[in-house]
């Protein structure tokens, strides 16, 4: 890794089943230090995680407020398969399915 990333925590990433997922889905949740936005880290990480999820026969999803334009832009770079609104406790959230990798992983 480059000098900028040595011995620093620059973000947080989760891959999990949640109230938003079905049996074959995993939700991605992440946070990245603002100083590292725009460097291509999250699209690269999401692509690798997508490959990993695919090897488990899982589909990646993300839930978000569509006004979070930075996250929408990041997910668009990775590829959006479909989207729909979900409502939990009167809170409306956008659920996005991330496109599977072009090449299927071998099991």
Foldseek 3Di string as FASTA:
>chain_A
DDPVPPPDDFKDWDWADDPPDDPQETEIDMDGHPVCQPVCPLLVVVLVVLLVSLLVSHWYKYKADVVPVSVVVSLVVQAWPDWDWDADPNDIIIMTTRDHDPDGDDD
